[in-house]
Amino acid sequence: MPRSETIRGLERGLQVLQVLQSNPISSLHDIHFATKISKPSLLRILRTLEAAGLISRRLADGCYRISMFNQTTRKRDRYDRVAEAAAPVLDRLCQRISWPSDLFVPAGDYMERRETSRPHTPFPIHANDIRRGVIVRANWLQTGVGRAYLAFCAERERENIVRRLRKSDKPEDQLARDPKRLDRILAETRTRGYAVRDPGFTGGKYGKAPYDDGLAAIVLPLLDRTRVHGSINILFVKTAYSVEDFAARHLADLQAAAEEIVSSLHK
């Protein structure tokens, strides 16, 4: 009987892994629906797989995904690895300072949010938008996350991104047609050591009407020698601090988080 139970447990574990290989980001409900395994049993299986390093949970919404340390899975988007590495670091950062963070990575004409600790902050930082999906698009040229990436990425990569944006007719991409001003902004970002959003940009998603979200942020690239893996920020309510005061308080925290994420990608 013990042998039979062990084989049954293994079969169920493999069934869960097959579901996650087919649907790389799955909720408990999704896996339950696909496998018909009871949720209490499924939770035990998922905890076992997580402890073994075969799966991990997304910080933003608790969904499950195949771990970047599981070498038996299909080749994935390299930014999945960055998101997985960032999740526990951003979680600890939010626990320590209370303010939340986002991870954004390149996605062609825009940056794309892949992870966030917004649901874990006690502050009113629009955690409800996670219910509509973790992935959110942000423009390159007016946001802090875009400017942090462009300021520190390789010159050829930056030129390719800006060249593509020059063809855009979207208002948020117009700065691409003013290379001298853009170069000056990026140089100022490098000198300051962190990025901020454009003073005239109050918030909004890429391709959508802008709106005032009431937020500000300090942003750093995930700089790995000459390669940038993405950008991470710390968000705060802009009426609470000036950017300079907030950076004096928390830039070192953000720097430590960025270094930890990059370091973990080499393990």
C-alpha atoms as a PDB file:
ATOM      1  CA  MET A   1       0.000   0.000   0.000  1.00  0.00           C
ATOM      2  CA  PRO A   2       2.719   2.631   0.809  1.00  0.00           C
ATOM      3  CA  ARG A   3       4.369   1.898  -2.549  1.00  0.00           C
ATOM      4  CA  SER A   4       1.058   2.378  -4.368  1.00  0.00           C
ATOM      5  CA  GLU A   5       0.448   5.714  -2.613  1.00  0.00           C
ATOM      6  CA  THR A   6       3.950   6.921  -3.490  1.00  0.00           C
ATOM      7  CA  ILE A   7       3.428   6.141  -7.187  1.00  0.00           C
ATOM      8  CA  ARG A   8       0.047   7.877  -7.128  1.00  0.00           C
ATOM      9  CA  GLY A   9       1.630  10.959  -5.612  1.00  0.00           C
ATOM     10  CA  LEU A  10       4.338  10.949  -8.269  1.00  0.00           C
ATOM     11  CA  GLU A  11       1.734  10.638 -11.013  1.00  0.00           C
ATOM     12  CA  ARG A  12      -0.132  13.627  -9.646  1.00  0.00           C
ATOM     13  CA  GLY A  13       3.037  15.683  -9.372  1.00  0.00           C
ATOM     14  CA  LEU A  14       3.924  14.916 -12.988  1.00  0.00           C
ATOM     15  CA  GLN A  15       0.373  15.802 -14.005  1.00  0.00           C
ATOM     16  CA  VAL A  16       0.747  19.222 -12.372  1.00  0.00           C
ATOM     17  CA  LEU A  17       4.094  19.813 -14.103  1.00  0.00           C
ATOM     18  CA  GLN A  18       2.536  18.929 -17.463  1.00  0.00           C
ATOM     19  CA  VAL A  19      -0.212  21.499 -16.885  1.00  0.00           C
ATOM     20  CA  LEU A  20       2.363  24.173 -16.044  1.00  0.00           C
ATOM     21  CA  GLN A  21       4.422  23.325 -19.114  1.00  0.00           C
ATOM     22  CA  SER A  22       1.344  23.873 -21.268  1.00  0.00           C
ATOM     23  CA  ASN A  23       0.169  26.946 -19.330  1.00  0.00           C
ATOM     24  CA  PRO A  24       3.283  28.594 -17.883  1.00  0.00           C
ATOM     25  CA  ILE A  25       1.369  30.951 -15.560  1.00  0.00           C
ATOM     26  CA  SER A  26      -1.495  29.128 -13.813  1.00  0.00           C
ATOM     27  CA  SER A  27      -3.597  29.830 -10.747  1.00  0.00           C
ATOM     28  CA  LEU A  28      -4.574  27.176  -8.220  1.00  0.00           C
ATOM     29  CA  HIS A  29      -8.034  27.168  -9.792  1.00  0.00           C
ATOM     30  CA  ASP A  30      -6.555  26.683 -13.291  1.00  0.00           C
ATOM     31  CA  ILE A  31      -4.506  23.685 -12.159  1.00  0.00           C
ATOM     32  CA  HIS A  32      -7.439  22.230 -10.225  1.00  0.00           C
ATOM     33  CA  PHE A  33      -9.692  22.595 -13.277  1.00  0.00           C
ATOM     34  CA  ALA A  34      -7.121  20.911 -15.546  1.00  0.00           C
ATOM     35  CA  THR A  35      -6.161  18.048 -13.215  1.00  0.00           C
ATOM     36  CA  LYS A  36      -9.380  17.485 -11.208  1.00  0.00           C
ATOM     37  CA  ILE A  37      -7.160  17.011  -8.149  1.00  0.00           C
ATOM     38  CA  SER A  38      -8.794  18.313  -4.962  1.00  0.00           C
ATOM     39  CA  LYS A  39      -7.449  21.682  -3.863  1.00  0.00           C
ATOM     40  CA  PRO A  40      -6.136  20.460  -0.459  1.00  0.00           C
ATOM     41  CA  SER A  41      -4.182  17.669  -2.203  1.00  0.00           C
ATOM     42  CA  LEU A  42      -3.112  20.061  -4.938  1.00  0.00           C
ATOM     43  CA  LEU A  43      -1.726  22.522  -2.414  1.00  0.00           C
ATOM     44  CA  ARG A  44       0.399  19.754  -0.853  1.00  0.00           C
ATOM     45  CA  ILE A  45       1.703  18.768  -4.293  1.00  0.00           C
ATOM     46  CA  LEU A  46       2.478  22.366  -5.210  1.00  0.00           C
ATOM     47  CA  ARG A  47       4.305  22.987  -1.922  1.00  0.00           C
ATOM     48  CA  THR A  48       6.368  19.851  -2.530  1.00  0.00           C
ATOM     49  CA  LEU A  49       7.249  20.900  -6.075  1.00  0.00           C
ATOM     50  CA  GLU A  50       8.089  24.402  -4.887  1.00  0.00           C
ATOM     51  CA  ALA A  51      10.349  23.075  -2.117  1.00  0.00           C
ATOM     52  CA  ALA A  52      12.130  20.921  -4.713  1.00  0.00           C
ATOM     53  CA  GLY A  53      12.788  23.987  -6.872  1.00  0.00           C
ATOM     54  CA  LEU A  54      10.652  22.746  -9.758  1.00  0.00           C
ATOM     55  CA  ILE A  55       8.032  25.498  -9.606  1.00  0.00           C
ATOM     56  CA  SER A  56       7.713  28.949  -8.070  1.00  0.00           C
ATOM     57  CA  ARG A  57       4.921  31.429  -7.319  1.00  0.00           C
ATOM     58  CA  ARG A  58       4.465  34.849  -8.842  1.00  0.00           C
ATOM     59  CA  LEU A  59       4.612  37.598  -6.243  1.00  0.00           C
ATOM     60  CA  ALA A  60       1.915  39.764  -7.811  1.00  0.00           C
ATOM     61  CA  ASP A  61      -0.966  37.298  -7.801  1.00  0.00           C
ATOM     62  CA  GLY A  62       0.256  33.988  -6.371  1.00  0.00           C
ATOM     63  CA  CYS A  63       0.051  32.147  -9.692  1.00  0.00           C
ATOM     64  CA  TYR A  64       2.362  29.187 -10.219  1.00  0.00           C
ATOM     65  CA  ARG A  65       5.037  28.832 -12.897  1.00  0.00           C
ATOM     66  CA  ILE A  66       7.777  26.415 -13.886  1.00  0.00           C
ATOM     67  CA  SER A  67      10.970  27.376 -12.086  1.00  0.00           C
ATOM     68  CA  MET A  68      13.941  28.773 -13.974  1.00  0.00           C
ATOM     69  CA  PHE A  69      15.992  26.163 -12.088  1.00  0.00           C
ATOM     70  CA  ASN A  70      14.031  23.306 -13.663  1.00  0.00           C
ATOM     71  CA  GLN A  71      16.225  22.373 -16.601  1.00  0.00           C
ATOM     72  CA  THR A  72      13.749  19.798 -17.942  1.00  0.00           C
ATOM     73  CA  THR A  73      11.246  22.368 -19.176  1.00  0.00           C
ATOM     74  CA  ARG A  74      10.923  23.965 -22.580  1.00  0.00           C
ATOM     75  CA  LYS A  75      13.015  27.013 -23.362  1.00  0.00           C
ATOM     76  CA  ARG A  76      11.227  30.102 -22.086  1.00  0.00           C
ATOM     77  CA  ASP A  77      11.322  33.825 -22.539  1.00  0.00           C
ATOM     78  CA  ARG A  78      14.504  34.979 -20.801  1.00  0.00           C
ATOM     79  CA  TYR A  79      12.507  37.605 -18.948  1.00  0.00           C
ATOM     80  CA  ASP A  80      10.620  34.829 -17.153  1.00  0.00           C
ATOM     81  CA  ARG A  81      13.913  34.118 -15.395  1.00  0.00           C
ATOM     82  CA  VAL A  82      14.304  37.787 -14.478  1.00  0.00           C
ATOM     83  CA  ALA A  83      10.757  37.937 -13.081  1.00  0.00           C
ATOM     84  CA  GLU A  84      11.281  34.805 -11.023  1.00  0.00           C
ATOM     85  CA  ALA A  85      14.581  36.087  -9.653  1.00  0.00           C
ATOM     86  CA  ALA A  86      13.028  39.461  -8.850  1.00  0.00           C
ATOM     87  CA  ALA A  87       9.920  38.185  -7.049  1.00  0.00           C
ATOM     88  CA  PRO A  88      11.417  37.238  -3.657  1.00  0.00           C
ATOM     89  CA  VAL A  89      13.712  40.262  -3.669  1.00  0.00           C
ATOM     90  CA  LEU A  90      10.878  42.715  -4.323  1.00  0.00           C
ATOM     91  CA  ASP A  91       8.780  40.949  -1.692  1.00  0.00           C
ATOM     92  CA  ARG A  92      11.471  41.384   0.963  1.00  0.00           C
ATOM     93  CA  LEU A  93      12.042  44.992  -0.101  1.00  0.00           C
ATOM     94  CA  CYS A  94       8.331  45.786   0.298  1.00  0.00           C
ATOM     95  CA  GLN A  95       8.230  44.073   3.690  1.00  0.00           C
ATOM     96  CA  ARG A  96      11.172  46.155   4.838  1.00  0.00           C
ATOM     97  CA  ILE A  97      10.189  49.637   3.584  1.00  0.00           C
ATOM     98  CA  SER A  98       6.414  49.145   2.964  1.00  0.00           C
ATOM     99  CA  TRP A  99       6.499  50.955  -0.405  1.00  0.00           C
ATOM    100  CA  PRO A 100       6.002  48.624  -3.411  1.00  0.00           C
ATOM    101  CA  SER A 101       8.055  47.958  -6.516  1.00  0.00           C
ATOM    102  CA  ASP A 102       7.555  46.891 -10.136  1.00  0.00           C
ATOM    103  CA  LEU A 103       9.786  44.997 -12.546  1.00  0.00           C
ATOM    104  CA  PHE A 104       9.568  46.129 -16.175  1.00  0.00           C
ATOM    105  CA  VAL A 105      11.320  44.532 -19.158  1.00  0.00           C
ATOM    106  CA  PRO A 106      11.575  45.437 -22.875  1.00  0.00           C
ATOM    107  CA  ALA A 107       8.723  44.328 -25.134  1.00  0.00           C
ATOM    108  CA  GLY A 108       9.327  46.018 -28.474  1.00  0.00           C
ATOM    109  CA  ASP A 109       7.694  49.445 -28.694  1.00  0.00           C
ATOM    110  CA  TYR A 110       7.052  49.573 -24.951  1.00  0.00           C
ATOM    111  CA  MET A 111       8.166  48.263 -21.563  1.00  0.00           C
ATOM    112  CA  GLU A 112       6.132  45.499 -19.959  1.00  0.00           C
ATOM    113  CA  ARG A 113       5.520  44.851 -16.270  1.00  0.00           C
ATOM    114  CA  ARG A 114       6.356  41.255 -15.353  1.00  0.00           C
ATOM    115  CA  GLU A 115       6.272  41.395 -11.558  1.00  0.00           C
ATOM    116  CA  THR A 116       5.053  43.722  -8.809  1.00  0.00           C
ATOM    117  CA  SER A 117       4.712  43.868  -5.042  1.00  0.00           C
ATOM    118  CA  ARG A 118       1.781  46.331  -5.169  1.00  0.00           C
ATOM    119  CA  PRO A 119      -0.691  43.856  -3.599  1.00  0.00           C
ATOM    120  CA  HIS A 120       1.572  43.627  -0.537  1.00  0.00           C
ATOM    121  CA  THR A 121       1.888  47.322   0.334  1.00  0.00           C
ATOM    122  CA  PRO A 122      -0.228  48.971   3.050  1.00  0.00           C
ATOM    123  CA  PHE A 123      -0.285  52.158   0.973  1.00  0.00           C
ATOM    124  CA  PRO A 124      -2.906  53.047  -1.694  1.00  0.00           C
ATOM    125  CA  ILE A 125      -0.836  52.155  -4.767  1.00  0.00           C
ATOM    126  CA  HIS A 126      -3.537  50.764  -7.073  1.00  0.00           C
ATOM    127  CA  ALA A 127      -3.153  47.116  -6.097  1.00  0.00           C
ATOM    128  CA  ASN A 128      -6.588  46.553  -7.672  1.00  0.00           C
ATOM    129  CA  ASP A 129      -5.106  46.797 -11.161  1.00  0.00           C
ATOM    130  CA  ILE A 130      -3.464  43.408 -10.539  1.00  0.00           C
ATOM    131  CA  ARG A 131      -6.918  41.851 -10.774  1.00  0.00           C
ATOM    132  CA  ARG A 132      -6.951  42.854 -14.426  1.00  0.00           C
ATOM    133  CA  GLY A 133      -3.542  41.261 -15.027  1.00  0.00           C
ATOM    134  CA  VAL A 134       0.049  41.581 -13.903  1.00  0.00           C
ATOM    135  CA  ILE A 135       1.314  42.580 -17.331  1.00  0.00           C
ATOM    136  CA  VAL A 136       0.944  46.299 -18.015  1.00  0.00           C
ATOM    137  CA  ARG A 137       2.543  48.299 -20.825  1.00  0.00           C
ATOM    138  CA  ALA A 138       4.509  51.493 -20.232  1.00  0.00           C
ATOM    139  CA  ASN A 139       6.103  53.857 -22.724  1.00  0.00           C
ATOM    140  CA  TRP A 140       9.868  54.064 -23.122  1.00  0.00           C
ATOM    141  CA  LEU A 141      10.542  57.788 -23.179  1.00  0.00           C
ATOM    142  CA  GLN A 142       8.409  59.418 -20.482  1.00  0.00           C
ATOM    143  CA  THR A 143       8.503  56.774 -17.761  1.00  0.00           C
ATOM    144  CA  GLY A 144      11.251  56.184 -15.244  1.00  0.00           C
ATOM    145  CA  VAL A 145      11.420  52.490 -16.094  1.00  0.00           C
ATOM    146  CA  GLY A 146      12.002  53.246 -19.770  1.00  0.00           C
ATOM    147  CA  ARG A 147      14.556  55.968 -19.119  1.00  0.00           C
ATOM    148  CA  ALA A 148      16.499  53.819 -16.635  1.00  0.00           C
ATOM    149  CA  TYR A 149      16.823  51.064 -19.220  1.00  0.00           C
ATOM    150  CA  LEU A 150      17.767  53.361 -22.095  1.00  0.00           C
ATOM    151  CA  ALA A 151      20.293  55.317 -20.049  1.00  0.00           C
ATOM    152  CA  PHE A 152      22.323  52.247 -19.144  1.00  0.00           C
ATOM    153  CA  CYS A 153      21.824  49.723 -21.960  1.00  0.00           C
ATOM    154  CA  ALA A 154      24.367  49.219 -24.749  1.00  0.00           C
ATOM    155  CA  GLU A 155      24.530  52.034 -27.295  1.00  0.00           C
ATOM    156  CA  ARG A 156      23.546  49.824 -30.212  1.00  0.00           C
ATOM    157  CA  GLU A 157      20.492  48.518 -28.372  1.00  0.00           C
ATOM    158  CA  ARG A 158      19.444  52.050 -27.435  1.00  0.00           C
ATOM    159  CA  GLU A 159      19.817  53.246 -31.022  1.00  0.00           C
ATOM    160  CA  ASN A 160      17.677  50.374 -32.301  1.00  0.00           C
ATOM    161  CA  ILE A 161      14.914  51.111 -29.776  1.00  0.00           C
ATOM    162  CA  VAL A 162      14.891  54.848 -30.481  1.00  0.00           C
ATOM    163  CA  ARG A 163      14.982  54.281 -34.249  1.00  0.00           C
ATOM    164  CA  ARG A 164      11.861  52.136 -33.956  1.00  0.00           C
ATOM    165  CA  LEU A 165      10.108  54.726 -31.791  1.00  0.00           C
ATOM    166  CA  ARG A 166      10.763  57.478 -34.345  1.00  0.00           C
ATOM    167  CA  LYS A 167       8.296  55.711 -36.639  1.00  0.00           C
ATOM    168  CA  SER A 168       5.543  55.876 -34.035  1.00  0.00           C
ATOM    169  CA  ASP A 169       2.739  58.410 -34.212  1.00  0.00           C
ATOM    170  CA  LYS A 170       1.908  58.076 -30.503  1.00  0.00           C
ATOM    171  CA  PRO A 171       2.372  61.265 -28.443  1.00  0.00           C
ATOM    172  CA  GLU A 172       4.401  59.437 -25.783  1.00  0.00           C
ATOM    173  CA  ASP A 173       7.015  58.494 -28.406  1.00  0.00           C
ATOM    174  CA  GLN A 174       7.570  61.974 -29.836  1.00  0.00           C
ATOM    175  CA  LEU A 175      10.789  62.536 -27.863  1.00  0.00           C
ATOM    176  CA  ALA A 176      12.468  59.993 -30.157  1.00  0.00           C
ATOM    177  CA  ARG A 177      12.415  62.698 -32.857  1.00  0.00           C
ATOM    178  CA  ASP A 178      14.458  65.061 -30.655  1.00  0.00           C
ATOM    179  CA  PRO A 179      17.719  63.116 -30.213  1.00  0.00           C
ATOM    180  CA  LYS A 180      19.649  65.965 -28.602  1.00  0.00           C
ATOM    181  CA  ARG A 181      17.069  66.444 -25.861  1.00  0.00           C
ATOM    182  CA  LEU A 182      16.775  62.698 -25.329  1.00  0.00           C
ATOM    183  CA  ASP A 183      20.549  62.314 -25.081  1.00  0.00           C
ATOM    184  CA  ARG A 184      20.621  65.133 -22.520  1.00  0.00           C
ATOM    185  CA  ILE A 185      17.889  63.475 -20.424  1.00  0.00           C
ATOM    186  CA  LEU A 186      19.658  60.118 -20.469  1.00  0.00           C
ATOM    187  CA  ALA A 187      22.986  61.735 -19.579  1.00  0.00           C
ATOM    188  CA  GLU A 188      21.301  63.477 -16.627  1.00  0.00           C
ATOM    189  CA  THR A 189      19.872  60.111 -15.571  1.00  0.00           C
ATOM    190  CA  ARG A 190      23.322  58.517 -15.567  1.00  0.00           C
ATOM    191  CA  THR A 191      24.763  61.428 -13.588  1.00  0.00           C
ATOM    192  CA  ARG A 192      21.936  61.322 -11.025  1.00  0.00           C
ATOM    193  CA  GLY A 193      22.313  57.554 -10.698  1.00  0.00           C
ATOM    194  CA  TYR A 194      18.613  56.746 -10.967  1.00  0.00           C
ATOM    195  CA  ALA A 195      15.725  57.553 -13.308  1.00  0.00           C
ATOM    196  CA  VAL A 196      12.479  59.426 -12.753  1.00  0.00           C
ATOM    197  CA  ARG A 197       9.465  59.955 -14.983  1.00  0.00           C
ATOM    198  CA  ASP A 198       9.189  63.053 -17.141  1.00  0.00           C
ATOM    199  CA  PRO A 199       7.803  66.025 -15.151  1.00  0.00           C
ATOM    200  CA  GLY A 200       4.977  66.352 -17.676  1.00  0.00           C
ATOM    201  CA  PHE A 201       3.978  62.690 -17.459  1.00  0.00           C
ATOM    202  CA  THR A 202       1.480  62.021 -14.674  1.00  0.00           C
ATOM    203  CA  GLY A 203       0.749  58.370 -15.439  1.00  0.00           C
ATOM    204  CA  GLY A 204      -1.088  56.106 -17.806  1.00  0.00           C
ATOM    205  CA  LYS A 205      -0.667  52.918 -19.805  1.00  0.00           C
ATOM    206  CA  TYR A 206       0.984  52.752 -23.197  1.00  0.00           C
ATOM    207  CA  GLY A 207      -1.390  53.636 -26.013  1.00  0.00           C
ATOM    208  CA  LYS A 208      -4.089  54.802 -23.595  1.00  0.00           C
ATOM    209  CA  ALA A 209      -5.190  58.268 -22.525  1.00  0.00           C
ATOM    210  CA  PRO A 210      -2.891  59.648 -19.790  1.00  0.00           C
ATOM    211  CA  TYR A 211      -4.240  60.149 -16.281  1.00  0.00           C
ATOM    212  CA  ASP A 212      -2.857  61.370 -12.974  1.00  0.00           C
ATOM    213  CA  ASP A 213      -2.098  58.300 -10.873  1.00  0.00           C
ATOM    214  CA  GLY A 214      -0.778  60.353  -7.953  1.00  0.00           C
ATOM    215  CA  LEU A 215       2.498  58.447  -7.923  1.00  0.00           C
ATOM    216  CA  ALA A 216       6.209  59.039  -8.322  1.00  0.00           C
ATOM    217  CA  ALA A 217       9.103  56.603  -8.373  1.00  0.00           C
ATOM    218  CA  ILE A 218      12.842  56.169  -8.338  1.00  0.00           C
ATOM    219  CA  VAL A 219      14.092  53.603 -10.851  1.00  0.00           C
ATOM    220  CA  LEU A 220      17.266  51.598 -11.443  1.00  0.00           C
ATOM    221  CA  PRO A 221      18.325  49.318 -14.277  1.00  0.00           C
ATOM    222  CA  LEU A 222      19.180  45.689 -13.614  1.00  0.00           C
ATOM    223  CA  LEU A 223      22.668  46.318 -14.940  1.00  0.00           C
ATOM    224  CA  ASP A 224      24.833  43.261 -15.527  1.00  0.00           C
ATOM    225  CA  ARG A 225      28.140  44.705 -16.708  1.00  0.00           C
ATOM    226  CA  THR A 226      27.107  46.044 -20.149  1.00  0.00           C
ATOM    227  CA  ARG A 227      23.777  44.222 -20.323  1.00  0.00           C
ATOM    228  CA  VAL A 228      20.502  45.422 -18.825  1.00  0.00           C
ATOM    229  CA  HIS A 229      17.898  42.816 -17.837  1.00  0.00           C
ATOM    230  CA  GLY A 230      15.109  45.267 -17.021  1.00  0.00           C
ATOM    231  CA  SER A 231      14.222  48.093 -14.629  1.00  0.00           C
ATOM    232  CA  ILE A 232      12.944  48.066 -11.050  1.00  0.00           C
ATOM    233  CA  ASN A 233      11.402  50.928  -9.148  1.00  0.00           C
ATOM    234  CA  ILE A 234      10.132  51.926  -5.756  1.00  0.00           C
ATOM    235  CA  LEU A 235       6.784  53.682  -6.014  1.00  0.00           C
ATOM    236  CA  PHE A 236       5.485  56.284  -3.577  1.00  0.00           C
ATOM    237  CA  VAL A 237       2.684  58.808  -3.281  1.00  0.00           C
ATOM    238  CA  LYS A 238       4.116  61.992  -4.749  1.00  0.00           C
ATOM    239  CA  THR A 239       2.512  64.261  -2.166  1.00  0.00           C
ATOM    240  CA  ALA A 240       4.346  62.388   0.609  1.00  0.00           C
ATOM    241  CA  TYR A 241       7.932  63.177  -0.449  1.00  0.00           C
ATOM    242  CA  SER A 242       9.938  65.002  -3.036  1.00  0.00           C
ATOM    243  CA  VAL A 243      11.832  62.656  -5.329  1.00  0.00           C
ATOM    244  CA  GLU A 244      15.116  63.841  -3.816  1.00  0.00           C
ATOM    245  CA  ASP A 245      13.972  63.184  -0.248  1.00  0.00           C
ATOM    246  CA  PHE A 246      12.646  59.755  -1.155  1.00  0.00           C
ATOM    247  CA  ALA A 247      15.882  58.854  -2.938  1.00  0.00           C
ATOM    248  CA  ALA A 248      17.875  59.938   0.128  1.00  0.00           C
ATOM    249  CA  ARG A 249      15.802  57.523   2.191  1.00  0.00           C
ATOM    250  CA  HIS A 250      15.535  54.532  -0.134  1.00  0.00           C
ATOM    251  CA  LEU A 251      17.969  54.634  -3.076  1.00  0.00           C
ATOM    252  CA  ALA A 252      20.401  52.390  -1.187  1.00  0.00           C
ATOM    253  CA  ASP A 253      17.589  49.871  -0.635  1.00  0.00           C
ATOM    254  CA  LEU A 254      16.802  49.869  -4.347  1.00  0.00           C
ATOM    255  CA  GLN A 255      20.478  49.504  -5.261  1.00  0.00           C
ATOM    256  CA  ALA A 256      20.837  46.506  -2.973  1.00  0.00           C
ATOM    257  CA  ALA A 257      17.726  44.901  -4.493  1.00  0.00           C
ATOM    258  CA  ALA A 258      18.988  45.424  -8.048  1.00  0.00           C
ATOM    259  CA  GLU A 259      22.371  43.912  -7.187  1.00  0.00           C
ATOM    260  CA  GLU A 260      20.728  40.903  -5.540  1.00  0.00           C
ATOM    261  CA  ILE A 261      18.490  40.215  -8.546  1.00  0.00           C
ATOM    262  CA  VAL A 262      21.373  40.423 -11.018  1.00  0.00           C
ATOM    263  CA  SER A 263      23.541  38.233  -8.801  1.00  0.00           C
ATOM    264  CA  SER A 264      20.835  35.578  -8.532  1.00  0.00           C
ATOM    265  CA  LEU A 265      20.648  35.342 -12.344  1.00  0.00           C
ATOM    266  CA  HIS A 266      24.205  33.990 -12.332  1.00  0.00           C
ATOM    267  CA  LYS A 267      23.479  31.119  -9.941  1.00  0.00           C
END
